[in-house]
Amino acid sequence: MPAKQSQLVLSAIGKDQTGIVDRLTRAVYDLELNINDSRMTVMGGEFAVQMLVEGAWNQIAMLETMLPDLESRLGLTIHCKRTDIRVADKKIRPYSVEVFALDHPGIVHHLASFFSQHHINIEELHTSSYAAPHTGTPMFTVSLQIGVPSEVQISSLREEFMDFCDNLNLDAVLEPI
C-alpha cells in the first residue's frame, strides 16, 4: 500500500550564491519528493525561495529533520509548514491581471484593496520595476492571478476595475486564463 501523500511549504532566504538551487533541489530529489510549485528569485543580494513539496509523509518528515543541516550548509534561513492538498473550487474562475504604470508608492496596496473589497482572492502576485526605454522614467508592473467567484458579473467587474485604474493612472488588462 503506497504511503499517504503529504505537502510541505518551504520558504528560504539567504545570500545569493552560485549552486544554491542545485543543492536545495538535490535534497528534495534525494528524498524522492516532488516540487509541485516554486518561486525562486534574487532580490538585492539575497536569494529567496518558496516551494511546495509533495511526497510520502515519512519522506516529508525526513526533509523536515534535515532542515537545520541544510540551513547551515547553504547559508539559508528556512521555514516550513505542512499544508493540506488544495481542492480546486469549481465556483472560482481564474483571471489574469496585468498592470503597468509610472512607479509610485501604493500601487500594490490599492490593487489588493480593490480585489479584497470585491471578495476576490489574489492567488499569485508578481511585481517588477524597470527604467522606460529612451527616457529612463521609473516604471512598475504588476501581474496577478485572481480567483473570481462565479456569482460576480465579469462585465461589471471589468468596467469598475478599469475606472479604478483610470483614477490611479494605471494601464491594465483583465482577462480569463
N, C-alpha and C. Protein backbone atom coordinates (compact mmCIF):
# COMPACT_ATOMS: atom_id res chain seq x y z
N MET A 1 0.85 -1.19 0.00
CA MET A 1 0.00 0.00 0.00
C MET A 1 0.89 1.24 0.00
N PRO A 2 0.69 2.17 -0.95
CA PRO A 2 1.54 3.36 -1.01
C PRO A 2 1.33 4.26 0.20
N ALA A 3 2.39 4.97 0.58
CA ALA A 3 2.33 5.88 1.72
C ALA A 3 1.43 7.07 1.40
N LYS A 4 0.77 7.60 2.42
CA LYS A 4 -0.09 8.77 2.26
C LYS A 4 0.74 9.96 1.78
N GLN A 5 0.21 10.69 0.81
CA GLN A 5 0.89 11.86 0.27
C GLN A 5 0.69 13.05 1.20
N SER A 6 1.75 13.80 1.42
CA SER A 6 1.71 15.00 2.25
C SER A 6 2.35 16.13 1.47
N GLN A 7 2.06 17.35 1.92
CA GLN A 7 2.66 18.52 1.29
C GLN A 7 3.31 19.39 2.35
N LEU A 8 4.39 20.04 1.94
CA LEU A 8 5.15 20.93 2.80
C LEU A 8 5.46 22.21 2.03
N VAL A 9 5.14 23.34 2.63
CA VAL A 9 5.53 24.62 2.05
C VAL A 9 6.85 25.00 2.69
N LEU A 10 7.83 25.28 1.85
CA LEU A 10 9.17 25.63 2.32
C LEU A 10 9.50 27.03 1.82
N SER A 11 9.96 27.87 2.72
CA SER A 11 10.35 29.23 2.37
C SER A 11 11.78 29.43 2.88
N ALA A 12 12.64 29.97 2.04
CA ALA A 12 14.04 30.15 2.42
C ALA A 12 14.58 31.45 1.85
N ILE A 13 15.52 32.03 2.60
CA ILE A 13 16.19 33.24 2.13
C ILE A 13 17.63 33.22 2.64
N GLY A 14 18.53 33.71 1.81
CA GLY A 14 19.93 33.78 2.20
C GLY A 14 20.74 34.46 1.12
N LYS A 15 22.00 34.70 1.42
CA LYS A 15 22.89 35.38 0.47
C LYS A 15 22.93 34.61 -0.84
N ASP A 16 22.80 35.34 -1.95
CA ASP A 16 22.82 34.71 -3.26
C ASP A 16 24.19 34.10 -3.52
N GLN A 17 24.17 32.88 -4.07
CA GLN A 17 25.42 32.19 -4.40
C GLN A 17 25.15 31.18 -5.50
N THR A 18 26.12 30.98 -6.35
CA THR A 18 26.00 30.01 -7.42
C THR A 18 25.84 28.61 -6.84
N GLY A 19 24.91 27.84 -7.40
CA GLY A 19 24.73 26.45 -7.00
C GLY A 19 23.70 26.22 -5.91
N ILE A 20 23.12 27.29 -5.37
CA ILE A 20 22.18 27.13 -4.27
C ILE A 20 20.92 26.36 -4.69
N VAL A 21 20.42 26.62 -5.89
CA VAL A 21 19.23 25.90 -6.38
C VAL A 21 19.58 24.42 -6.56
N ASP A 22 20.75 24.13 -7.11
CA ASP A 22 21.19 22.75 -7.30
C ASP A 22 21.21 22.00 -5.97
N ARG A 23 21.82 22.59 -4.96
CA ARG A 23 21.97 21.89 -3.68
C ARG A 23 20.63 21.75 -2.94
N LEU A 24 19.79 22.78 -3.02
CA LEU A 24 18.50 22.71 -2.35
C LEU A 24 17.58 21.68 -3.03
N THR A 25 17.51 21.72 -4.35
CA THR A 25 16.65 20.77 -5.06
C THR A 25 17.21 19.35 -4.99
N ARG A 26 18.52 19.21 -4.84
CA ARG A 26 19.13 17.88 -4.67
C ARG A 26 18.61 17.22 -3.39
N ALA A 27 18.50 18.00 -2.32
CA ALA A 27 17.99 17.46 -1.05
C ALA A 27 16.56 16.95 -1.22
N VAL A 28 15.76 17.67 -1.97
CA VAL A 28 14.37 17.25 -2.23
C VAL A 28 14.36 16.00 -3.11
N TYR A 29 15.14 16.01 -4.16
CA TYR A 29 15.21 14.88 -5.09
C TYR A 29 15.72 13.61 -4.41
N ASP A 30 16.75 13.74 -3.58
CA ASP A 30 17.33 12.58 -2.90
C ASP A 30 16.32 11.88 -2.00
N LEU A 31 15.32 12.60 -1.52
CA LEU A 31 14.28 12.01 -0.68
C LEU A 31 13.08 11.54 -1.51
N GLU A 32 13.23 11.58 -2.84
CA GLU A 32 12.18 11.17 -3.77
C GLU A 32 10.89 11.97 -3.58
N LEU A 33 11.07 13.26 -3.30
CA LEU A 33 9.95 14.18 -3.17
C LEU A 33 9.81 14.95 -4.47
N ASN A 34 8.62 15.51 -4.69
CA ASN A 34 8.34 16.24 -5.91
C ASN A 34 8.11 17.71 -5.58
N ILE A 35 8.71 18.59 -6.35
CA ILE A 35 8.45 20.03 -6.23
C ILE A 35 7.25 20.33 -7.13
N ASN A 36 6.09 20.57 -6.51
CA ASN A 36 4.87 20.82 -7.28
C ASN A 36 4.78 22.25 -7.78
N ASP A 37 5.30 23.17 -7.01
CA ASP A 37 5.18 24.58 -7.35
C ASP A 37 6.36 25.29 -6.70
N SER A 38 6.92 26.28 -7.35
CA SER A 38 8.03 27.01 -6.73
C SER A 38 8.19 28.39 -7.34
N ARG A 39 8.78 29.26 -6.55
CA ARG A 39 9.19 30.59 -6.97
C ARG A 39 10.60 30.77 -6.40
N MET A 40 11.52 31.13 -7.24
CA MET A 40 12.90 31.36 -6.80
C MET A 40 13.39 32.60 -7.51
N THR A 41 14.00 33.52 -6.75
CA THR A 41 14.45 34.77 -7.35
C THR A 41 15.55 35.40 -6.51
N VAL A 42 16.33 36.24 -7.15
CA VAL A 42 17.32 37.06 -6.45
C VAL A 42 16.68 38.42 -6.21
N MET A 43 16.71 38.86 -4.97
CA MET A 43 16.19 40.18 -4.59
C MET A 43 17.31 40.91 -3.87
N GLY A 44 17.82 41.96 -4.52
CA GLY A 44 19.00 42.61 -3.98
C GLY A 44 20.14 41.60 -4.02
N GLY A 45 20.82 41.42 -2.89
CA GLY A 45 21.88 40.42 -2.80
C GLY A 45 21.43 39.13 -2.17
N GLU A 46 20.13 38.98 -1.97
CA GLU A 46 19.58 37.79 -1.33
C GLU A 46 18.87 36.91 -2.33
N PHE A 47 18.90 35.61 -2.06
CA PHE A 47 18.18 34.64 -2.86
C PHE A 47 16.97 34.20 -2.05
N ALA A 48 15.80 34.21 -2.66
CA ALA A 48 14.57 33.83 -1.97
C ALA A 48 13.90 32.67 -2.69
N VAL A 49 13.38 31.73 -1.91
CA VAL A 49 12.74 30.53 -2.45
C VAL A 49 11.42 30.30 -1.74
N GLN A 50 10.42 29.92 -2.50
CA GLN A 50 9.20 29.36 -1.95
C GLN A 50 8.90 28.14 -2.79
N MET A 51 8.65 27.03 -2.13
CA MET A 51 8.31 25.84 -2.89
C MET A 51 7.30 24.98 -2.14
N LEU A 52 6.50 24.30 -2.92
CA LEU A 52 5.54 23.34 -2.41
C LEU A 52 6.07 21.97 -2.78
N VAL A 53 6.40 21.19 -1.74
CA VAL A 53 6.99 19.87 -1.93
C VAL A 53 5.94 18.82 -1.55
N GLU A 54 5.85 17.77 -2.36
CA GLU A 54 4.86 16.71 -2.09
C GLU A 54 5.54 15.36 -2.13
N GLY A 55 5.06 14.47 -1.27
CA GLY A 55 5.56 13.10 -1.28
C GLY A 55 5.01 12.33 -0.10
N ALA A 56 5.58 11.16 0.09
CA ALA A 56 5.17 10.30 1.20
C ALA A 56 5.41 11.04 2.52
N TRP A 57 4.48 10.88 3.46
CA TRP A 57 4.56 11.61 4.73
C TRP A 57 5.88 11.37 5.44
N ASN A 58 6.41 10.14 5.36
CA ASN A 58 7.67 9.84 6.06
C ASN A 58 8.87 10.53 5.40
N GLN A 59 8.81 10.71 4.07
CA GLN A 59 9.89 11.42 3.37
C GLN A 59 9.82 12.92 3.67
N ILE A 60 8.60 13.44 3.78
CA ILE A 60 8.42 14.84 4.17
C ILE A 60 9.00 15.04 5.57
N ALA A 61 8.73 14.11 6.47
CA ALA A 61 9.26 14.20 7.84
C ALA A 61 10.79 14.17 7.83
N MET A 62 11.38 13.36 6.95
CA MET A 62 12.84 13.32 6.86
C MET A 62 13.39 14.66 6.38
N LEU A 63 12.71 15.28 5.42
CA LEU A 63 13.15 16.60 4.95
C LEU A 63 13.09 17.61 6.10
N GLU A 64 12.01 17.57 6.86
CA GLU A 64 11.88 18.49 7.99
C GLU A 64 13.04 18.33 8.98
N THR A 65 13.47 17.10 9.23
CA THR A 65 14.57 16.89 10.17
C THR A 65 15.91 17.33 9.58
N MET A 66 16.02 17.36 8.25
CA MET A 66 17.25 17.78 7.59
C MET A 66 17.42 19.30 7.50
N LEU A 67 16.33 20.04 7.76
CA LEU A 67 16.36 21.49 7.51
C LEU A 67 17.45 22.24 8.29
N PRO A 68 17.68 21.95 9.58
CA PRO A 68 18.77 22.67 10.27
C PRO A 68 20.13 22.47 9.59
N ASP A 69 20.41 21.25 9.12
CA ASP A 69 21.66 20.98 8.42
C ASP A 69 21.71 21.73 7.09
N LEU A 70 20.57 21.73 6.36
CA LEU A 70 20.51 22.47 5.09
C LEU A 70 20.73 23.96 5.31
N GLU A 71 20.11 24.50 6.36
CA GLU A 71 20.31 25.92 6.67
C GLU A 71 21.79 26.23 6.85
N SER A 72 22.46 25.40 7.61
CA SER A 72 23.88 25.60 7.89
C SER A 72 24.73 25.46 6.63
N ARG A 73 24.51 24.39 5.88
CA ARG A 73 25.31 24.14 4.68
C ARG A 73 25.09 25.16 3.58
N LEU A 74 23.84 25.63 3.43
CA LEU A 74 23.52 26.52 2.32
C LEU A 74 23.50 28.00 2.72
N GLY A 75 23.65 28.29 4.01
CA GLY A 75 23.61 29.68 4.44
C GLY A 75 22.24 30.30 4.27
N LEU A 76 21.20 29.50 4.49
CA LEU A 76 19.83 29.96 4.34
C LEU A 76 19.11 29.99 5.67
N THR A 77 18.11 30.81 5.76
CA THR A 77 17.13 30.73 6.84
C THR A 77 15.91 30.07 6.23
N ILE A 78 15.53 28.90 6.76
CA ILE A 78 14.46 28.11 6.16
C ILE A 78 13.30 27.98 7.15
N HIS A 79 12.12 28.21 6.65
CA HIS A 79 10.89 27.98 7.42
C HIS A 79 10.04 27.01 6.61
N CYS A 80 9.31 26.16 7.32
CA CYS A 80 8.44 25.24 6.60
C CYS A 80 7.15 25.03 7.38
N LYS A 81 6.15 24.59 6.66
CA LYS A 81 4.84 24.32 7.27
C LYS A 81 4.14 23.27 6.43
N ARG A 82 3.61 22.27 7.12
CA ARG A 82 2.79 21.27 6.42
C ARG A 82 1.50 21.95 5.96
N THR A 83 0.99 21.48 4.86
CA THR A 83 -0.25 22.05 4.34
C THR A 83 -1.12 20.93 3.78
N ASP A 84 -2.39 21.22 3.64
CA ASP A 84 -3.33 20.26 3.05
C ASP A 84 -3.26 20.36 1.53
N ILE A 85 -3.56 19.27 0.87
CA ILE A 85 -3.64 19.28 -0.58
C ILE A 85 -4.88 20.09 -0.96
N ARG A 86 -4.68 21.09 -1.80
CA ARG A 86 -5.75 22.01 -2.15
C ARG A 86 -6.71 21.39 -3.17
N VAL A 87 -7.97 21.54 -2.87
CA VAL A 87 -9.01 21.06 -3.78
C VAL A 87 -9.52 22.27 -4.57
N ALA A 88 -9.54 22.14 -5.88
CA ALA A 88 -9.99 23.25 -6.74
C ALA A 88 -11.47 23.54 -6.49
N ASP A 89 -11.78 24.81 -6.38
CA ASP A 89 -13.17 25.25 -6.20
C ASP A 89 -13.75 25.53 -7.57
N LYS A 90 -14.75 24.76 -7.94
CA LYS A 90 -15.35 24.90 -9.28
C LYS A 90 -16.16 26.18 -9.42
N LYS A 91 -16.40 26.88 -8.31
CA LYS A 91 -17.17 28.13 -8.37
C LYS A 91 -16.26 29.35 -8.53
N ILE A 92 -14.97 29.11 -8.68
CA ILE A 92 -14.00 30.20 -8.85
C ILE A 92 -13.46 30.15 -10.28
N ARG A 93 -13.47 31.30 -10.94
CA ARG A 93 -12.96 31.41 -12.30
C ARG A 93 -11.60 32.12 -12.26
N PRO A 94 -10.57 31.53 -12.86
CA PRO A 94 -9.24 32.15 -12.84
C PRO A 94 -9.12 33.28 -13.87
N TYR A 95 -8.60 34.41 -13.41
CA TYR A 95 -8.36 35.56 -14.29
C TYR A 95 -6.94 36.06 -14.10
N SER A 96 -6.43 36.66 -15.15
CA SER A 96 -5.11 37.27 -15.15
C SER A 96 -5.28 38.79 -15.19
N VAL A 97 -4.46 39.48 -14.40
CA VAL A 97 -4.47 40.94 -14.38
C VAL A 97 -3.05 41.42 -14.63
N GLU A 98 -2.89 42.32 -15.57
CA GLU A 98 -1.59 42.94 -15.86
C GLU A 98 -1.75 44.44 -15.70
N VAL A 99 -0.86 45.05 -14.92
CA VAL A 99 -0.93 46.49 -14.66
C VAL A 99 0.44 47.10 -14.97
N PHE A 100 0.42 48.26 -15.64
CA PHE A 100 1.64 49.00 -15.98
C PHE A 100 1.43 50.44 -15.56
N ALA A 101 2.47 51.04 -14.97
CA ALA A 101 2.32 52.42 -14.51
C ALA A 101 3.67 53.06 -14.24
N LEU A 102 3.64 54.39 -14.12
CA LEU A 102 4.80 55.09 -13.58
C LEU A 102 4.95 54.60 -12.15
N ASP A 103 6.18 54.35 -11.73
CA ASP A 103 6.40 53.80 -10.39
C ASP A 103 6.09 54.84 -9.33
N HIS A 104 5.25 54.47 -8.37
CA HIS A 104 4.98 55.31 -7.20
C HIS A 104 4.44 54.42 -6.08
N PRO A 105 4.62 54.84 -4.84
CA PRO A 105 4.19 54.02 -3.70
C PRO A 105 2.67 53.79 -3.71
N GLY A 106 2.27 52.61 -3.25
CA GLY A 106 0.86 52.32 -3.03
C GLY A 106 0.15 51.53 -4.11
N ILE A 107 0.79 51.28 -5.24
CA ILE A 107 0.10 50.59 -6.34
C ILE A 107 -0.39 49.21 -5.89
N VAL A 108 0.50 48.43 -5.30
CA VAL A 108 0.13 47.07 -4.89
C VAL A 108 -0.98 47.11 -3.84
N HIS A 109 -0.85 48.02 -2.88
CA HIS A 109 -1.88 48.14 -1.84
C HIS A 109 -3.24 48.49 -2.44
N HIS A 110 -3.27 49.45 -3.35
CA HIS A 110 -4.55 49.85 -3.95
C HIS A 110 -5.19 48.70 -4.73
N LEU A 111 -4.38 47.94 -5.47
CA LEU A 111 -4.89 46.79 -6.20
C LEU A 111 -5.43 45.73 -5.23
N ALA A 112 -4.65 45.44 -4.19
CA ALA A 112 -5.08 44.44 -3.20
C ALA A 112 -6.37 44.86 -2.53
N SER A 113 -6.48 46.14 -2.22
CA SER A 113 -7.69 46.66 -1.58
C SER A 113 -8.90 46.53 -2.52
N PHE A 114 -8.72 46.87 -3.78
CA PHE A 114 -9.82 46.75 -4.75
C PHE A 114 -10.35 45.32 -4.78
N PHE A 115 -9.45 44.35 -4.95
CA PHE A 115 -9.90 42.96 -5.07
C PHE A 115 -10.46 42.44 -3.75
N SER A 116 -9.88 42.84 -2.65
CA SER A 116 -10.39 42.42 -1.34
C SER A 116 -11.82 42.93 -1.12
N GLN A 117 -12.05 44.18 -1.47
CA GLN A 117 -13.38 44.76 -1.31
C GLN A 117 -14.43 44.05 -2.18
N HIS A 118 -13.97 43.40 -3.24
CA HIS A 118 -14.88 42.68 -4.14
C HIS A 118 -14.89 41.17 -3.83
N HIS A 119 -14.27 40.79 -2.71
CA HIS A 119 -14.23 39.39 -2.25
C HIS A 119 -13.58 38.48 -3.29
N ILE A 120 -12.54 39.02 -3.92
CA ILE A 120 -11.80 38.28 -4.94
C ILE A 120 -10.42 37.96 -4.37
N ASN A 121 -10.08 36.68 -4.40
CA ASN A 121 -8.81 36.22 -3.84
C ASN A 121 -7.67 36.43 -4.83
N ILE A 122 -6.57 37.00 -4.33
CA ILE A 122 -5.34 37.10 -5.13
C ILE A 122 -4.58 35.80 -4.91
N GLU A 123 -4.42 35.03 -5.99
CA GLU A 123 -3.78 33.73 -5.89
C GLU A 123 -2.27 33.82 -6.14
N GLU A 124 -1.89 34.80 -6.93
CA GLU A 124 -0.47 34.99 -7.21
C GLU A 124 -0.25 36.45 -7.57
N LEU A 125 0.90 36.99 -7.17
CA LEU A 125 1.21 38.39 -7.45
C LEU A 125 2.70 38.49 -7.71
N HIS A 126 3.06 39.19 -8.76
CA HIS A 126 4.46 39.41 -9.10
C HIS A 126 4.61 40.86 -9.52
N THR A 127 5.63 41.52 -9.00
CA THR A 127 5.89 42.90 -9.38
C THR A 127 7.31 43.04 -9.90
N SER A 128 7.53 44.08 -10.68
CA SER A 128 8.89 44.41 -11.09
C SER A 128 8.96 45.89 -11.46
N SER A 129 10.15 46.41 -11.33
CA SER A 129 10.43 47.80 -11.69
C SER A 129 11.46 47.81 -12.80
N TYR A 130 11.38 48.84 -13.64
CA TYR A 130 12.35 48.97 -14.72
C TYR A 130 12.37 50.43 -15.17
N ALA A 131 13.41 50.77 -15.88
CA ALA A 131 13.52 52.12 -16.45
C ALA A 131 12.95 52.10 -17.86
N ALA A 132 12.08 53.05 -18.18
CA ALA A 132 11.48 53.13 -19.50
C ALA A 132 12.57 53.37 -20.55
N PRO A 133 12.44 52.72 -21.71
CA PRO A 133 13.41 52.96 -22.78
C PRO A 133 13.42 54.44 -23.18
N HIS A 134 14.54 54.91 -23.56
CA HIS A 134 14.77 56.28 -24.06
C HIS A 134 14.73 57.33 -22.95
N THR A 135 13.72 57.30 -22.06
CA THR A 135 13.59 58.36 -21.05
C THR A 135 14.18 57.99 -19.70
N GLY A 136 14.24 56.69 -19.39
CA GLY A 136 14.73 56.25 -18.10
C GLY A 136 13.73 56.43 -16.96
N THR A 137 12.50 56.81 -17.29
CA THR A 137 11.47 57.02 -16.28
C THR A 137 11.21 55.71 -15.52
N PRO A 138 11.14 55.79 -14.17
CA PRO A 138 10.88 54.58 -13.38
C PRO A 138 9.46 54.04 -13.65
N MET A 139 9.39 52.80 -14.09
CA MET A 139 8.13 52.14 -14.41
C MET A 139 7.92 50.97 -13.46
N PHE A 140 6.67 50.52 -13.35
CA PHE A 140 6.31 49.45 -12.43
C PHE A 140 5.28 48.56 -13.10
N THR A 141 5.45 47.25 -12.97
CA THR A 141 4.46 46.30 -13.49
C THR A 141 4.00 45.38 -12.36
N VAL A 142 2.74 45.00 -12.44
CA VAL A 142 2.15 44.05 -11.51
C VAL A 142 1.42 43.00 -12.34
N SER A 143 1.72 41.73 -12.07
CA SER A 143 1.00 40.62 -12.69
C SER A 143 0.31 39.85 -11.57
N LEU A 144 -0.99 39.64 -11.74
CA LEU A 144 -1.76 38.92 -10.73
C LEU A 144 -2.53 37.78 -11.37
N GLN A 145 -2.75 36.75 -10.59
CA GLN A 145 -3.74 35.74 -10.92
C GLN A 145 -4.76 35.82 -9.80
N ILE A 146 -6.01 35.98 -10.17
CA ILE A 146 -7.07 36.13 -9.18
C ILE A 146 -8.12 35.04 -9.39
N GLY A 147 -8.86 34.77 -8.32
CA GLY A 147 -9.96 33.82 -8.38
C GLY A 147 -11.27 34.58 -8.23
N VAL A 148 -12.02 34.67 -9.30
CA VAL A 148 -13.26 35.44 -9.31
C VAL A 148 -14.43 34.49 -9.03
N PRO A 149 -15.19 34.74 -7.96
CA PRO A 149 -16.35 33.89 -7.68
C PRO A 149 -17.34 33.92 -8.84
N SER A 150 -17.98 32.79 -9.10
CA SER A 150 -18.88 32.67 -10.26
C SER A 150 -20.08 33.61 -10.20
N GLU A 151 -20.45 34.06 -8.99
CA GLU A 151 -21.60 34.97 -8.90
C GLU A 151 -21.24 36.42 -9.28
N VAL A 152 -19.95 36.71 -9.45
CA VAL A 152 -19.54 38.06 -9.84
C VAL A 152 -19.74 38.22 -11.34
N GLN A 153 -20.43 39.28 -11.72
CA GLN A 153 -20.66 39.56 -13.14
C GLN A 153 -19.38 40.19 -13.71
N ILE A 154 -18.75 39.49 -14.63
CA ILE A 154 -17.44 39.91 -15.15
C ILE A 154 -17.50 41.26 -15.84
N SER A 155 -18.53 41.53 -16.61
CA SER A 155 -18.60 42.81 -17.33
C SER A 155 -18.63 43.98 -16.34
N SER A 156 -19.37 43.85 -15.26
CA SER A 156 -19.42 44.91 -14.23
C SER A 156 -18.08 45.04 -13.53
N LEU A 157 -17.48 43.89 -13.19
CA LEU A 157 -16.17 43.91 -12.53
C LEU A 157 -15.14 44.59 -13.42
N ARG A 158 -15.11 44.21 -14.70
CA ARG A 158 -14.13 44.77 -15.63
C ARG A 158 -14.31 46.29 -15.74
N GLU A 159 -15.56 46.74 -15.89
CA GLU A 159 -15.83 48.17 -16.01
C GLU A 159 -15.39 48.92 -14.75
N GLU A 160 -15.74 48.38 -13.59
CA GLU A 160 -15.37 49.03 -12.33
C GLU A 160 -13.85 49.03 -12.14
N PHE A 161 -13.20 47.94 -12.53
CA PHE A 161 -11.75 47.85 -12.40
C PHE A 161 -11.06 48.85 -13.33
N MET A 162 -11.54 48.98 -14.55
CA MET A 162 -10.92 49.92 -15.49
C MET A 162 -11.11 51.37 -15.02
N ASP A 163 -12.26 51.69 -14.45
CA ASP A 163 -12.48 53.04 -13.88
C ASP A 163 -11.52 53.27 -12.71
N PHE A 164 -11.39 52.26 -11.87
CA PHE A 164 -10.46 52.32 -10.73
C PHE A 164 -9.04 52.60 -11.23
N CYS A 165 -8.62 51.86 -12.26
CA CYS A 165 -7.26 52.04 -12.81
C CYS A 165 -7.10 53.41 -13.45
N ASP A 166 -8.11 53.88 -14.16
CA ASP A 166 -8.04 55.22 -14.76
C ASP A 166 -7.84 56.28 -13.69
N ASN A 167 -8.54 56.15 -12.57
CA ASN A 167 -8.41 57.13 -11.47
C ASN A 167 -7.01 57.13 -10.86
N LEU A 168 -6.31 55.99 -10.93
CA LEU A 168 -4.95 55.91 -10.39
C LEU A 168 -3.88 56.04 -11.46
N ASN A 169 -4.30 56.31 -12.70
CA ASN A 169 -3.39 56.43 -13.84
C ASN A 169 -2.59 55.14 -14.06
N LEU A 170 -3.32 54.01 -14.03
CA LEU A 170 -2.73 52.70 -14.28
C LEU A 170 -3.27 52.17 -15.59
N ASP A 171 -2.40 51.58 -16.41
CA ASP A 171 -2.84 50.86 -17.59
C ASP A 171 -3.01 49.41 -17.16
N ALA A 172 -4.16 48.80 -17.51
CA ALA A 172 -4.42 47.45 -17.02
C ALA A 172 -5.19 46.61 -18.02
N VAL A 173 -5.03 45.30 -17.86
CA VAL A 173 -5.76 44.30 -18.64
C VAL A 173 -6.28 43.27 -17.66
N LEU A 174 -7.54 42.88 -17.81
CA LEU A 174 -8.18 41.85 -17.00
C LEU A 174 -8.75 40.82 -17.97
N GLU A 175 -8.19 39.59 -17.96
CA GLU A 175 -8.61 38.57 -18.92
C GLU A 175 -8.74 37.20 -18.27
N PRO A 176 -9.60 36.35 -18.81
CA PRO A 176 -9.69 34.98 -18.29
C PRO A 176 -8.41 34.20 -18.62
N ILE A 177 -8.11 33.28 -17.76
CA ILE A 177 -6.94 32.41 -18.02
C ILE A 177 -7.43 31.18 -18.76
